[in-house]
N, C-alpha and C. Protein backbone atom coordinates (compact mmCIF):
# COMPACT_ATOMS: atom_id res chain seq x y z
N MET A 1 -14.27 28.15 -55.57
CA MET A 1 -14.32 28.32 -54.05
C MET A 1 -14.73 26.40 -53.64
N SER A 2 -14.38 26.07 -52.87
CA SER A 2 -14.06 24.53 -52.71
C SER A 2 -15.45 24.64 -51.70
N GLU A 3 -15.55 23.00 -51.58
CA GLU A 3 -17.07 22.48 -50.92
C GLU A 3 -16.34 22.36 -49.39
N PRO A 4 -17.31 22.40 -48.64
CA PRO A 4 -17.08 22.42 -47.37
C PRO A 4 -16.40 20.68 -46.80
N HIS A 5 -15.90 20.60 -46.25
CA HIS A 5 -15.56 19.49 -45.59
C HIS A 5 -16.54 18.57 -45.51
N THR A 6 -16.82 16.99 -45.49
CA THR A 6 -17.93 15.86 -45.24
C THR A 6 -17.06 15.28 -44.79
N PRO A 7 -16.76 14.98 -43.47
CA PRO A 7 -16.11 13.73 -43.41
C PRO A 7 -16.72 12.10 -43.94
N THR A 8 -15.28 11.30 -43.88
CA THR A 8 -15.69 9.97 -44.45
C THR A 8 -16.46 9.01 -43.37
N GLN A 9 -16.58 7.99 -44.03
CA GLN A 9 -17.54 6.96 -43.14
C GLN A 9 -16.22 6.81 -41.93
N GLU A 10 -15.24 6.45 -42.21
CA GLU A 10 -14.23 6.21 -41.28
C GLU A 10 -13.76 6.93 -40.27
N SER A 11 -13.94 8.03 -40.10
CA SER A 11 -13.62 9.31 -39.66
C SER A 11 -14.92 10.01 -38.71
N ALA A 12 -16.30 9.35 -39.79
CA ALA A 12 -17.42 9.58 -38.83
C ALA A 12 -17.30 8.95 -38.01
N VAL A 13 -16.71 7.28 -37.71
CA VAL A 13 -17.07 6.75 -36.81
C VAL A 13 -16.07 6.37 -35.68
N LEU A 14 -14.32 6.78 -36.40
CA LEU A 14 -13.30 7.45 -34.99
C LEU A 14 -13.92 8.39 -34.41
N GLU A 15 -14.54 9.68 -34.99
CA GLU A 15 -14.94 10.57 -34.32
C GLU A 15 -16.55 10.34 -33.47
N ILE A 16 -17.10 9.24 -33.42
CA ILE A 16 -18.11 8.73 -32.56
C ILE A 16 -17.55 7.48 -31.32
N ALA A 17 -16.83 7.09 -32.47
CA ALA A 17 -16.19 6.07 -31.43
C ALA A 17 -15.48 6.98 -29.97
N THR A 18 -14.73 7.69 -30.38
CA THR A 18 -14.18 9.20 -29.49
C THR A 18 -14.98 9.61 -28.52
N ALA A 19 -16.02 10.22 -29.04
CA ALA A 19 -17.03 11.18 -28.26
C ALA A 19 -17.63 9.68 -27.17
N GLU A 20 -17.65 8.90 -27.35
CA GLU A 20 -18.39 7.52 -26.18
C GLU A 20 -17.42 7.27 -25.39
N LEU A 21 -15.87 7.53 -25.41
CA LEU A 21 -15.34 6.93 -24.86
C LEU A 21 -15.26 8.65 -23.66
N LEU A 22 -14.91 9.70 -24.38
CA LEU A 22 -15.20 10.69 -23.86
C LEU A 22 -16.22 10.32 -22.26
N LEU A 23 -17.47 10.33 -22.65
CA LEU A 23 -18.43 10.28 -21.77
C LEU A 23 -18.37 9.09 -21.21
N GLN A 24 -17.88 7.99 -20.92
CA GLN A 24 -18.03 7.05 -20.21
C GLN A 24 -17.32 7.77 -19.11
N ASP A 25 -17.75 7.02 -17.67
CA ASP A 25 -17.60 7.77 -16.47
C ASP A 25 -16.29 7.03 -16.12
N PRO A 26 -14.85 7.69 -15.78
CA PRO A 26 -13.86 6.94 -15.37
C PRO A 26 -13.58 6.46 -14.29
N GLN A 27 -14.79 6.67 -12.97
CA GLN A 27 -14.67 6.65 -11.62
C GLN A 27 -15.15 5.03 -12.20
N PRO A 28 -14.82 4.05 -11.00
CA PRO A 28 -15.13 2.97 -10.64
C PRO A 28 -16.28 2.45 -10.30
N LYS A 29 -16.89 1.98 -10.47
CA LYS A 29 -18.69 1.83 -10.09
C LYS A 29 -18.43 0.63 -8.82
N VAL A 30 -19.15 1.29 -7.77
CA VAL A 30 -18.95 0.40 -6.21
C VAL A 30 -20.41 0.37 -6.13
N THR A 31 -20.57 -1.11 -5.61
CA THR A 31 -21.46 -1.84 -5.22
C THR A 31 -21.48 -3.18 -4.03
N PRO A 32 -22.28 -2.63 -2.85
CA PRO A 32 -22.07 -3.80 -2.23
C PRO A 32 -22.43 -5.19 -2.54
N SER A 33 -21.44 -5.25 -1.72
CA SER A 33 -20.85 -7.34 -1.90
C SER A 33 -22.08 -7.56 -1.74
N SER A 34 -23.09 -8.56 -2.61
CA SER A 34 -23.69 -9.54 -1.62
C SER A 34 -23.57 -10.89 -0.85
N GLN A 35 -22.26 -10.86 -1.00
CA GLN A 35 -21.48 -12.24 -0.14
C GLN A 35 -21.70 -12.36 1.39
N ALA A 36 -21.28 -13.16 2.26
CA ALA A 36 -21.19 -13.27 3.68
C ALA A 36 -20.75 -12.04 4.48
N ASP A 37 -19.63 -11.88 3.56
CA ASP A 37 -19.07 -10.51 4.78
C ASP A 37 -20.10 -9.09 4.00
N LYS A 38 -20.46 -8.30 4.45
CA LYS A 38 -21.75 -7.23 4.30
C LYS A 38 -20.48 -6.07 4.15
N SER A 39 -19.46 -6.18 4.57
CA SER A 39 -18.47 -4.78 4.78
C SER A 39 -17.71 -5.14 3.02
N ALA A 40 -17.59 -5.86 2.75
CA ALA A 40 -16.76 -5.69 1.46
C ALA A 40 -17.38 -5.04 0.59
N VAL A 41 -16.47 -4.67 0.13
CA VAL A 41 -17.15 -3.91 -1.12
C VAL A 41 -15.97 -4.23 -3.07
N VAL A 42 -17.06 -4.47 -3.44
CA VAL A 42 -17.09 -5.05 -4.74
C VAL A 42 -17.24 -3.56 -5.82
N PHE A 43 -15.87 -3.29 -6.91
CA PHE A 43 -15.41 -2.43 -7.50
C PHE A 43 -15.42 -3.62 -8.86
N THR A 44 -16.52 -2.24 -10.07
CA THR A 44 -15.85 -2.59 -11.14
C THR A 44 -15.25 -1.54 -11.87
N ARG A 45 -13.97 -2.32 -12.56
CA ARG A 45 -13.26 -1.06 -12.87
C ARG A 45 -13.37 -0.81 -14.52
N THR A 46 -13.11 0.32 -15.20
CA THR A 46 -13.96 0.92 -16.28
C THR A 46 -12.70 -0.35 -17.25
N SER A 47 -11.91 -0.85 -17.04
CA SER A 47 -11.53 -2.19 -17.97
C SER A 47 -12.47 -3.58 -17.61
N GLY A 48 -12.62 -3.72 -16.49
CA GLY A 48 -14.25 -4.74 -16.65
C GLY A 48 -14.21 -5.53 -15.68
N ASN A 49 -12.53 -5.46 -15.07
CA ASN A 49 -12.04 -5.78 -14.33
C ASN A 49 -12.93 -6.16 -12.83
N ILE A 50 -13.19 -6.93 -12.37
CA ILE A 50 -14.15 -6.87 -10.82
C ILE A 50 -12.93 -6.78 -9.69
N LYS A 51 -13.31 -6.48 -9.10
CA LYS A 51 -11.68 -6.28 -7.68
C LYS A 51 -12.57 -6.33 -6.45
N GLN A 52 -12.52 -7.01 -5.19
CA GLN A 52 -13.14 -7.23 -4.00
C GLN A 52 -12.58 -6.16 -3.13
N ARG A 53 -12.15 -5.52 -2.11
CA ARG A 53 -11.87 -4.74 -1.44
C ARG A 53 -12.52 -5.03 -0.01
N LYS A 54 -11.92 -5.55 0.59
CA LYS A 54 -12.56 -5.69 2.31
C LYS A 54 -13.12 -4.47 3.50
N GLY A 55 -13.75 -4.48 3.42
CA GLY A 55 -14.55 -3.51 4.33
C GLY A 55 -14.25 -3.14 5.52
N GLN A 56 -14.72 -2.10 6.77
CA GLN A 56 -14.16 -2.29 7.53
C GLN A 56 -16.15 -2.76 8.21
N THR A 57 -15.61 -3.45 9.26
CA THR A 57 -16.70 -3.48 10.63
C THR A 57 -16.83 -2.47 11.07
N ASP A 58 -18.41 -2.31 11.67
CA ASP A 58 -18.79 -1.08 12.52
C ASP A 58 -17.76 -0.65 13.85
N GLU A 59 -17.45 -1.86 14.56
CA GLU A 59 -16.47 -1.82 15.63
C GLU A 59 -15.13 -0.95 15.25
N GLU A 60 -14.81 -1.72 14.06
CA GLU A 60 -13.29 -0.66 13.70
C GLU A 60 -13.53 0.32 13.11
N TYR A 61 -14.58 1.04 12.69
CA TYR A 61 -14.91 1.87 12.26
C TYR A 61 -15.28 3.25 13.15
N ARG A 62 -15.87 2.53 14.35
CA ARG A 62 -15.98 3.21 15.96
C ARG A 62 -14.87 3.46 16.81
N ALA A 63 -13.65 2.49 16.78
CA ALA A 63 -12.43 2.42 17.69
C ALA A 63 -11.35 3.73 16.57
N GLN A 64 -11.79 3.92 15.18
CA GLN A 64 -11.15 4.59 14.19
C GLN A 64 -11.56 6.16 14.65
N ARG A 65 -12.68 6.65 14.94
CA ARG A 65 -13.53 7.38 14.82
C ARG A 65 -13.11 8.09 16.34
N ASP A 66 -13.08 7.46 17.29
CA ASP A 66 -12.52 7.36 18.52
C ASP A 66 -11.11 7.88 19.25
N GLN A 67 -10.17 7.08 18.25
CA GLN A 67 -9.15 7.67 18.17
C GLN A 67 -8.84 8.76 17.95
N PHE A 68 -9.47 9.28 16.74
CA PHE A 68 -8.96 10.28 16.15
C PHE A 68 -9.92 11.77 16.86
N TRP A 69 -10.94 11.52 17.47
CA TRP A 69 -11.30 12.57 18.69
C TRP A 69 -10.32 12.67 19.89
N LYS A 70 -10.40 11.77 20.27
CA LYS A 70 -9.23 11.60 21.52
C LYS A 70 -8.30 12.29 20.66
N SER A 71 -7.01 11.83 19.72
CA SER A 71 -5.86 12.27 19.11
C SER A 71 -6.03 13.79 18.38
N GLY A 72 -6.59 13.74 17.28
CA GLY A 72 -6.90 14.02 16.67
C GLY A 72 -6.21 13.82 15.44
N PRO A 73 -6.52 14.49 14.23
CA PRO A 73 -5.27 13.95 12.94
C PRO A 73 -4.02 14.30 12.89
N ARG A 74 -3.10 13.39 12.20
CA ARG A 74 -1.78 13.55 12.24
C ARG A 74 -1.21 14.92 11.73
N LEU A 75 -0.36 15.23 12.20
CA LEU A 75 0.17 16.87 11.59
C LEU A 75 1.76 16.41 10.87
N ASN A 76 1.42 16.51 9.20
CA ASN A 76 2.86 16.29 8.68
C ASN A 76 3.74 17.35 8.56
N THR A 77 4.46 17.84 9.44
CA THR A 77 5.45 18.58 9.32
C THR A 77 6.47 18.35 8.77
N GLY A 78 7.57 18.58 8.52
CA GLY A 78 8.93 18.41 7.88
C GLY A 78 9.69 16.84 8.33
N ASP A 79 9.60 17.10 9.57
CA ASP A 79 10.40 15.75 10.01
C ASP A 79 8.90 14.96 10.98
N TRP A 80 7.73 14.70 10.62
CA TRP A 80 6.96 14.10 11.12
C TRP A 80 7.30 12.54 11.37
N PHE A 81 7.61 12.13 10.31
CA PHE A 81 8.03 10.55 10.87
C PHE A 81 8.58 10.34 12.24
N LEU A 82 10.37 11.26 12.48
CA LEU A 82 11.29 11.25 13.32
C LEU A 82 10.39 11.62 14.72
N GLU A 83 8.85 12.44 14.80
CA GLU A 83 8.74 13.38 15.76
C GLU A 83 7.62 11.90 16.50
N TYR A 84 6.77 11.09 15.43
CA TYR A 84 6.06 9.83 15.66
C TYR A 84 6.85 9.32 16.50
N PRO A 85 5.78 9.34 18.44
CA PRO A 85 6.53 7.87 19.20
C PRO A 85 6.28 6.49 18.62
N ILE A 86 7.47 5.92 18.90
CA ILE A 86 7.97 4.98 18.26
C ILE A 86 6.81 3.52 18.78
N GLN A 87 6.81 4.17 20.34
CA GLN A 87 5.58 3.16 20.59
C GLN A 87 4.33 2.98 20.29
N ASN A 88 3.73 3.98 19.83
CA ASN A 88 2.01 4.60 18.97
C ASN A 88 2.10 3.51 17.58
N PHE A 89 3.17 2.51 17.50
CA PHE A 89 2.87 1.97 16.04
C PHE A 89 2.66 0.58 16.14
N LYS A 90 1.41 0.47 15.34
CA LYS A 90 0.73 -0.60 15.29
C LYS A 90 0.60 -1.88 14.41
N ASN A 91 0.85 -3.20 14.75
CA ASN A 91 0.90 -3.92 13.79
C ASN A 91 -0.28 -3.72 12.91
N GLU A 92 -1.62 -3.47 13.29
CA GLU A 92 -2.96 -3.55 12.37
C GLU A 92 -2.71 -2.39 11.92
N SER A 93 -2.22 -1.41 11.78
CA SER A 93 -2.49 -0.48 10.78
C SER A 93 -1.56 -0.41 9.43
N LYS A 94 -2.11 -0.35 8.90
CA LYS A 94 -1.54 -0.06 7.41
C LYS A 94 -0.69 1.36 7.30
N THR A 95 -1.11 2.19 7.74
CA THR A 95 -0.14 3.32 7.47
C THR A 95 0.60 3.44 8.33
N ASP A 96 0.69 2.99 9.96
CA ASP A 96 1.91 2.59 11.03
C ASP A 96 2.89 1.98 10.26
N LYS A 97 1.89 1.03 9.73
CA LYS A 97 3.64 0.05 9.03
C LYS A 97 3.92 0.82 7.62
N THR A 98 4.03 1.14 6.92
CA THR A 98 4.58 2.07 6.32
C THR A 98 5.13 3.04 6.54
N GLN A 99 4.31 4.10 7.35
CA GLN A 99 5.27 4.62 8.29
C GLN A 99 6.69 4.31 8.73
N LEU A 100 6.37 3.57 9.38
CA LEU A 100 8.14 2.38 10.05
C LEU A 100 8.92 2.16 8.88
N LEU A 101 8.55 2.08 8.36
CA LEU A 101 9.22 1.68 6.76
C LEU A 101 9.75 3.18 6.37
N HIS A 102 9.42 3.78 6.16
CA HIS A 102 9.61 5.19 5.66
C HIS A 102 10.88 5.44 6.64
N THR A 103 10.41 5.96 8.05
CA THR A 103 11.32 6.28 9.03
C THR A 103 12.61 5.79 9.37
N ALA A 104 12.57 4.49 8.71
CA ALA A 104 13.98 3.34 8.98
C ALA A 104 14.48 3.84 7.66
N GLU A 105 13.96 4.01 6.43
CA GLU A 105 14.61 4.90 5.36
C GLU A 105 15.19 5.95 5.20
N LEU A 106 14.13 6.99 5.59
CA LEU A 106 14.70 8.42 5.91
C LEU A 106 15.97 8.05 7.51
N CYS A 107 15.81 7.89 8.36
CA CYS A 107 16.82 8.16 8.91
C CYS A 107 17.94 7.46 7.78
N TYR A 108 18.11 6.44 7.89
CA TYR A 108 19.40 5.26 6.30
C TYR A 108 20.07 6.95 5.57
N PHE A 109 18.91 7.53 4.91
CA PHE A 109 19.60 8.33 4.12
C PHE A 109 19.72 9.80 4.91
N ARG A 110 19.72 9.75 5.93
CA ARG A 110 20.40 10.74 7.15
C ARG A 110 21.50 10.47 7.65
N ARG A 111 21.69 9.43 7.46
CA ARG A 111 23.23 8.42 8.07
C ARG A 111 22.87 8.60 9.75
N ASP A 112 22.01 8.58 10.18
CA ASP A 112 21.48 7.99 11.65
C ASP A 112 21.71 6.46 11.90
N TYR A 113 22.37 5.61 11.31
CA TYR A 113 22.47 4.09 11.04
C TYR A 113 21.87 3.54 12.42
N THR A 114 21.97 4.20 13.69
CA THR A 114 21.56 3.51 15.41
C THR A 114 20.34 3.84 14.97
N LYS A 115 19.56 4.93 14.61
CA LYS A 115 18.02 4.95 14.94
C LYS A 115 17.40 4.21 13.89
N CYS A 116 17.96 4.08 12.41
CA CYS A 116 17.31 2.82 11.81
C CYS A 116 17.94 1.87 12.12
N LEU A 117 18.70 1.40 12.75
CA LEU A 117 18.60 -0.31 13.12
C LEU A 117 17.80 -0.12 14.26
N GLU A 118 17.73 0.96 15.63
CA GLU A 118 16.75 0.86 16.38
C GLU A 118 15.02 0.50 16.04
N LEU A 119 14.65 1.02 14.75
CA LEU A 119 13.76 1.27 14.04
C LEU A 119 13.28 -0.21 13.39
N VAL A 120 14.62 -0.77 12.84
CA VAL A 120 14.49 -1.87 12.47
C VAL A 120 14.02 -3.20 13.32
N ALA A 121 15.04 -2.85 14.61
CA ALA A 121 14.61 -4.16 15.40
C ALA A 121 13.21 -3.40 15.88
N PHE A 122 12.47 -2.83 15.82
CA PHE A 122 11.57 -2.74 16.72
C PHE A 122 10.20 -3.14 15.41
N GLY A 123 10.65 -2.85 14.43
CA GLY A 123 9.52 -3.52 12.92
C GLY A 123 9.70 -4.78 13.34
N MET A 124 11.03 -5.72 13.54
CA MET A 124 10.91 -6.78 13.26
C MET A 124 10.09 -7.97 14.45
N LYS A 125 10.11 -6.56 15.49
CA LYS A 125 9.55 -7.68 16.94
C LYS A 125 8.19 -6.84 16.60
N LEU A 126 7.63 -6.12 15.85
CA LEU A 126 5.68 -5.62 15.63
C LEU A 126 5.23 -6.50 14.87
N PHE A 127 6.19 -6.55 13.72
CA PHE A 127 5.86 -7.75 12.53
C PHE A 127 5.65 -9.25 13.07
N ASN A 128 6.72 -9.11 14.28
CA ASN A 128 6.34 -10.65 14.44
C ASN A 128 7.71 -11.48 13.54
N ALA A 129 8.34 -10.95 13.07
CA ALA A 129 9.44 -11.55 11.64
C ALA A 129 9.53 -12.56 12.03
N GLU A 130 9.89 -13.22 13.30
CA GLU A 130 10.63 -14.77 13.62
C GLU A 130 9.64 -15.56 13.11
N ALA A 131 8.51 -15.48 13.05
CA ALA A 131 7.39 -16.23 13.45
C ALA A 131 6.85 -16.45 11.94
N VAL A 132 7.28 -15.27 11.18
CA VAL A 132 7.02 -15.55 9.71
C VAL A 132 7.97 -15.55 8.70
N LEU A 133 8.90 -15.44 8.96
CA LEU A 133 10.45 -16.20 8.08
C LEU A 133 10.31 -17.85 8.66
N ALA A 134 9.86 -18.23 10.19
CA ALA A 134 9.88 -19.46 9.95
C ALA A 134 8.53 -19.96 8.94
N GLU A 135 7.53 -19.38 8.65
CA GLU A 135 6.31 -20.15 8.45
C GLU A 135 7.14 -20.15 7.02
N GLU A 136 7.62 -19.17 6.06
CA GLU A 136 8.22 -18.72 4.62
C GLU A 136 9.19 -20.14 4.25
N LYS A 137 9.67 -20.68 5.57
CA LYS A 137 11.09 -21.44 5.46
C LYS A 137 9.87 -23.39 4.86
N LYS A 138 8.83 -23.21 5.44
CA LYS A 138 7.94 -24.49 5.64
C LYS A 138 7.25 -24.44 4.62
N ALA A 139 6.88 -23.12 3.99
CA ALA A 139 6.18 -23.47 2.49
C ALA A 139 6.59 -23.71 1.39
N PRO A 140 6.08 -24.64 0.79
CA PRO A 140 6.26 -25.16 -1.04
C PRO A 140 7.32 -24.48 -1.20
N VAL A 141 8.32 -25.03 -1.90
CA VAL A 141 8.48 -24.17 -2.92
C VAL A 141 8.02 -24.09 -4.27
N ASP A 142 8.25 -22.90 -4.84
CA ASP A 142 7.41 -22.75 -6.22
C ASP A 142 7.85 -22.94 -7.25
N LEU A 143 7.27 -23.13 -8.34
CA LEU A 143 7.53 -24.03 -9.28
C LEU A 143 8.45 -23.32 -10.11
N PRO A 144 9.30 -23.78 -11.11
CA PRO A 144 10.47 -22.68 -11.68
C PRO A 144 9.86 -21.63 -13.05
N GLY A 145 10.11 -20.75 -12.86
CA GLY A 145 9.68 -20.08 -13.56
C GLY A 145 8.67 -18.95 -13.53
N ARG A 146 7.98 -20.04 -12.29
CA ARG A 146 7.07 -19.13 -11.84
C ARG A 146 6.81 -18.46 -10.26
N HIS A 147 6.75 -17.02 -10.01
CA HIS A 147 6.62 -15.91 -9.25
C HIS A 147 5.72 -15.89 -8.56
N ALA A 148 5.67 -16.25 -7.45
CA ALA A 148 4.51 -16.31 -6.56
C ALA A 148 4.68 -14.53 -5.47
N LYS A 149 3.54 -13.95 -5.78
CA LYS A 149 3.51 -12.66 -4.91
C LYS A 149 3.28 -13.02 -3.58
N LYS A 150 4.58 -12.75 -2.91
CA LYS A 150 4.33 -12.41 -1.56
C LYS A 150 3.40 -11.88 -0.61
N PRO A 151 3.00 -11.95 1.02
CA PRO A 151 2.00 -10.95 1.74
C PRO A 151 2.77 -10.05 1.37
N LYS A 152 1.84 -8.29 1.65
CA LYS A 152 2.89 -7.62 1.71
C LYS A 152 3.62 -7.06 3.08
N LEU A 153 2.93 -8.19 4.10
CA LEU A 153 4.02 -8.24 5.42
C LEU A 153 5.36 -8.63 5.30
N ASP A 154 5.12 -10.05 4.64
CA ASP A 154 6.67 -10.37 3.91
C ASP A 154 7.13 -9.57 3.34
N ARG A 155 7.18 -8.76 2.86
CA ARG A 155 7.51 -7.95 2.05
C ARG A 155 8.28 -6.50 2.80
N HIS A 156 7.35 -6.09 3.72
CA HIS A 156 8.03 -5.51 4.92
C HIS A 156 8.92 -5.87 5.76
N ILE A 157 8.59 -6.96 5.77
CA ILE A 157 9.88 -7.56 6.61
C ILE A 157 11.66 -7.60 5.60
N GLN A 158 11.32 -8.33 4.59
CA GLN A 158 12.15 -8.34 3.41
C GLN A 158 12.73 -6.80 3.60
N GLU A 159 12.26 -5.40 3.59
CA GLU A 159 12.57 -4.36 3.05
C GLU A 159 13.65 -4.07 4.51
N LEU A 160 12.63 -4.42 5.34
CA LEU A 160 13.38 -4.02 6.79
C LEU A 160 14.79 -5.10 7.12
N LEU A 161 14.95 -6.42 6.82
CA LEU A 161 15.84 -6.75 6.48
C LEU A 161 17.03 -6.31 5.72
N GLU A 162 16.79 -5.90 4.42
CA GLU A 162 17.76 -5.38 3.57
C GLU A 162 18.01 -3.60 3.88
N ILE A 163 17.13 -3.13 4.84
CA ILE A 163 17.88 -1.77 5.29
C ILE A 163 18.65 -2.10 6.59
N LYS A 164 18.77 -3.09 7.17
CA LYS A 164 19.80 -3.26 8.55
C LYS A 164 20.68 -3.81 7.67
N GLU A 165 20.83 -4.90 6.47
CA GLU A 165 21.94 -5.10 6.10
C GLU A 165 22.86 -4.02 5.65
N LYS A 166 21.92 -2.98 4.80
CA LYS A 166 22.81 -1.65 4.27
C LYS A 166 23.11 -1.30 5.68
N CYS A 167 22.46 -0.73 6.72
CA CYS A 167 23.19 0.52 7.58
C CYS A 167 24.82 -0.35 8.34
N LEU A 168 24.00 -2.36 8.65
CA LEU A 168 25.64 -2.56 9.30
C LEU A 168 26.44 -2.15 8.42
N ALA A 169 26.16 -2.84 6.52
CA ALA A 169 27.69 -2.18 5.77
C ALA A 169 28.03 -1.06 6.26
N LYS A 170 27.09 0.01 6.13
CA LYS A 170 27.99 1.53 6.44
C LYS A 170 28.63 1.67 7.74
N MET A 171 28.05 1.06 8.54
CA MET A 171 28.55 1.18 9.96
C MET A 171 30.15 0.87 9.94
N GLU A 172 30.12 -0.41 9.54
CA GLU A 172 31.74 -1.07 8.74
C GLU A 172 32.25 -0.31 8.29
N THR A 173 32.21 0.41 7.58
CA THR A 173 33.12 1.22 6.35
C THR A 173 33.08 2.60 7.30
N SER A 174 32.43 2.94 8.08
CA SER A 174 32.67 4.57 8.47
C SER A 174 33.42 4.16 9.64
């Protein structure tokens, strides 16, 4: 008969390390920020990186809560992008900004180029694109080989401009 398996020292260390990893909490730890902005939250990720997330003030929370109780939650039907009234889009709302982009993309892929161009024009006005693009031209040029990350609003404007160019090109060819 063979003897029972006894783990070697290396495999025992590996098993212990694996067990310790499994016991670690995968969720980031949340601690309130001790800085001047009391609404900010500091996250410590499992990788050890620290990230500070902008919080929500009491006034913003109350406004969002009141808006929810007035109109209720958004219902996501099959065409909910297209059903949402264009006048209700707000520049302050992250979900409205992304919904506007997705709606313009959806119109483009459904070949509704006139509606797509209408949404792009509204988005450019909503995002105050002329002022943002003028500021971008005044900004100092980055060093060669270095890529500076643009603010999200700039990226939204760039996406709208690309959608506009594609719509116009498709309208010319058809």
